[in-house]
Amino acid sequence: MNILVTGGEGFIGSAVCRHLAADPKVNVVNLDKLTYAGNLASLRQIENHPNYSFLQADICDDTGVLEVLRSNEIDIVMNLA
């Protein structure tokens, strides 16, 4: 299952990403703009997991988000942005 988490660098989003990445059947794509609330250090422990990836992007960029959805074959979107 491929899950897109928007806002995954925030407090709640990072906890969700860590939880999801612990499941080897789940691929996590974390999309975050990295505003004041984003903290890259919060996900250091999973940044090299084979089933986790981070993309710095703005969810307001509909063309970019659509490309992420298509290229990663996303099944579920969790909007925490």
C-alpha atoms as a PDB file:
ATOM      1  CA  MET A   1       0.000   0.000   0.000  1.00  0.00           C
ATOM      2  CA  ASN A   2       1.323   3.456  -0.919  1.00  0.00           C
ATOM      3  CA  ILE A   3       0.407   6.316   1.406  1.00  0.00           C
ATOM      4  CA  LEU A   4       1.013  10.020   0.843  1.00  0.00           C
ATOM      5  CA  VAL A   5       1.303  12.002   4.073  1.00  0.00           C
ATOM      6  CA  THR A   6       1.100  15.767   3.634  1.00  0.00           C
ATOM      7  CA  GLY A   7       2.583  17.774   6.480  1.00  0.00           C
ATOM      8  CA  GLY A   8       4.678  14.820   7.572  1.00  0.00           C
ATOM      9  CA  GLU A   9       7.417  16.950   9.110  1.00  0.00           C
ATOM     10  CA  GLY A  10       5.086  18.464  11.716  1.00  0.00           C
ATOM     11  CA  PHE A  11       4.512  17.090  15.208  1.00  0.00           C
ATOM     12  CA  ILE A  12       1.553  14.849  14.374  1.00  0.00           C
ATOM     13  CA  GLY A  13       2.654  14.109  10.809  1.00  0.00           C
ATOM     14  CA  SER A  14       6.078  12.889  11.888  1.00  0.00           C
ATOM     15  CA  ALA A  15       4.522  10.518  14.430  1.00  0.00           C
ATOM     16  CA  VAL A  16       2.211   9.176  11.715  1.00  0.00           C
ATOM     17  CA  CYS A  17       5.128   8.710   9.289  1.00  0.00           C
ATOM     18  CA  ARG A  18       7.182   6.816  11.893  1.00  0.00           C
ATOM     19  CA  HIS A  19       4.221   4.571  12.698  1.00  0.00           C
ATOM     20  CA  LEU A  20       3.449   3.824   9.038  1.00  0.00           C
ATOM     21  CA  ALA A  21       7.097   3.245   8.088  1.00  0.00           C
ATOM     22  CA  ALA A  22       7.317   0.506  10.725  1.00  0.00           C
ATOM     23  CA  ASP A  23       5.032  -1.624   8.542  1.00  0.00           C
ATOM     24  CA  PRO A  24       7.059  -3.237   5.728  1.00  0.00           C
ATOM     25  CA  LYS A  25       3.880  -3.542   3.620  1.00  0.00           C
ATOM     26  CA  VAL A  26       3.449   0.252   3.543  1.00  0.00           C
ATOM     27  CA  ASN A  27       5.366   2.732   1.413  1.00  0.00           C
ATOM     28  CA  VAL A  28       5.254   6.233   2.891  1.00  0.00           C
ATOM     29  CA  VAL A  29       5.715   9.359   0.792  1.00  0.00           C
ATOM     30  CA  ASN A  30       6.036  12.428   3.003  1.00  0.00           C
ATOM     31  CA  LEU A  31       5.256  15.705   1.231  1.00  0.00           C
ATOM     32  CA  ASP A  32       5.949  18.852   3.233  1.00  0.00           C
ATOM     33  CA  LYS A  33       6.593  22.498   2.363  1.00  0.00           C
ATOM     34  CA  LEU A  34       8.841  22.872   5.432  1.00  0.00           C
ATOM     35  CA  THR A  35       7.342  26.011   6.889  1.00  0.00           C
ATOM     36  CA  TYR A  36       7.883  27.130  10.491  1.00  0.00           C
ATOM     37  CA  ALA A  37       6.198  23.954  11.791  1.00  0.00           C
ATOM     38  CA  GLY A  38       8.374  21.494   9.863  1.00  0.00           C
ATOM     39  CA  ASN A  39      11.277  19.821  11.620  1.00  0.00           C
ATOM     40  CA  LEU A  40      13.535  17.536   9.562  1.00  0.00           C
ATOM     41  CA  ALA A  41      15.159  16.198  12.732  1.00  0.00           C
ATOM     42  CA  SER A  42      11.874  14.602  13.794  1.00  0.00           C
ATOM     43  CA  LEU A  43      12.215  11.915  11.105  1.00  0.00           C
ATOM     44  CA  ARG A  44      15.980  11.290  11.105  1.00  0.00           C
ATOM     45  CA  GLN A  45      15.444   7.761  12.441  1.00  0.00           C
ATOM     46  CA  ILE A  46      13.497   6.727   9.318  1.00  0.00           C
ATOM     47  CA  GLU A  47      15.011   8.952   6.612  1.00  0.00           C
ATOM     48  CA  ASN A  48      16.939   5.987   5.154  1.00  0.00           C
ATOM     49  CA  HIS A  49      14.169   3.388   5.432  1.00  0.00           C
ATOM     50  CA  PRO A  50      13.548   1.673   2.082  1.00  0.00           C
ATOM     51  CA  ASN A  51       9.789   2.263   2.387  1.00  0.00           C
ATOM     52  CA  TYR A  52      10.020   5.991   3.247  1.00  0.00           C
ATOM     53  CA  SER A  53      10.677   9.023   1.075  1.00  0.00           C
ATOM     54  CA  PHE A  54      10.509  12.772   1.615  1.00  0.00           C
ATOM     55  CA  LEU A  55       9.576  15.398  -0.960  1.00  0.00           C
ATOM     56  CA  GLN A  56       9.749  19.118  -0.244  1.00  0.00           C
ATOM     57  CA  ALA A  57       6.766  20.582  -2.051  1.00  0.00           C
ATOM     58  CA  ASP A  58       3.694  22.750  -1.601  1.00  0.00           C
ATOM     59  CA  ILE A  59       0.283  21.037  -1.606  1.00  0.00           C
ATOM     60  CA  CYS A  60      -1.075  24.148  -3.357  1.00  0.00           C
ATOM     61  CA  ASP A  61       0.927  23.126  -6.440  1.00  0.00           C
ATOM     62  CA  ASP A  62      -1.794  20.939  -7.938  1.00  0.00           C
ATOM     63  CA  THR A  63       0.310  19.882 -10.929  1.00  0.00           C
ATOM     64  CA  GLY A  64       3.170  18.805  -8.668  1.00  0.00           C
ATOM     65  CA  VAL A  65       0.886  16.933  -6.287  1.00  0.00           C
ATOM     66  CA  LEU A  66      -0.803  15.152  -9.178  1.00  0.00           C
ATOM     67  CA  GLU A  67       2.611  14.028 -10.428  1.00  0.00           C
ATOM     68  CA  VAL A  68       3.481  12.701  -6.956  1.00  0.00           C
ATOM     69  CA  LEU A  69       0.176  10.799  -6.834  1.00  0.00           C
ATOM     70  CA  ARG A  70       0.738   9.254 -10.239  1.00  0.00           C
ATOM     71  CA  SER A  71       4.450   8.490 -10.028  1.00  0.00           C
ATOM     72  CA  ASN A  72       4.142   6.849  -6.606  1.00  0.00           C
ATOM     73  CA  GLU A  73       0.860   5.066  -7.359  1.00  0.00           C
ATOM     74  CA  ILE A  74      -0.656   6.488  -4.158  1.00  0.00           C
ATOM     75  CA  ASP A  75      -3.554   4.517  -2.655  1.00  0.00           C
ATOM     76  CA  ILE A  76      -4.294   6.719   0.355  1.00  0.00           C
ATOM     77  CA  VAL A  77      -3.725  10.399   1.153  1.00  0.00           C
ATOM     78  CA  MET A  78      -3.450  11.548   4.762  1.00  0.00           C
ATOM     79  CA  ASN A  79      -3.673  15.346   4.791  1.00  0.00           C
ATOM     80  CA  LEU A  80      -1.963  16.617   7.936  1.00  0.00           C
ATOM     81  CA  ALA A  81      -0.740  19.884   6.421  1.00  0.00           C
END
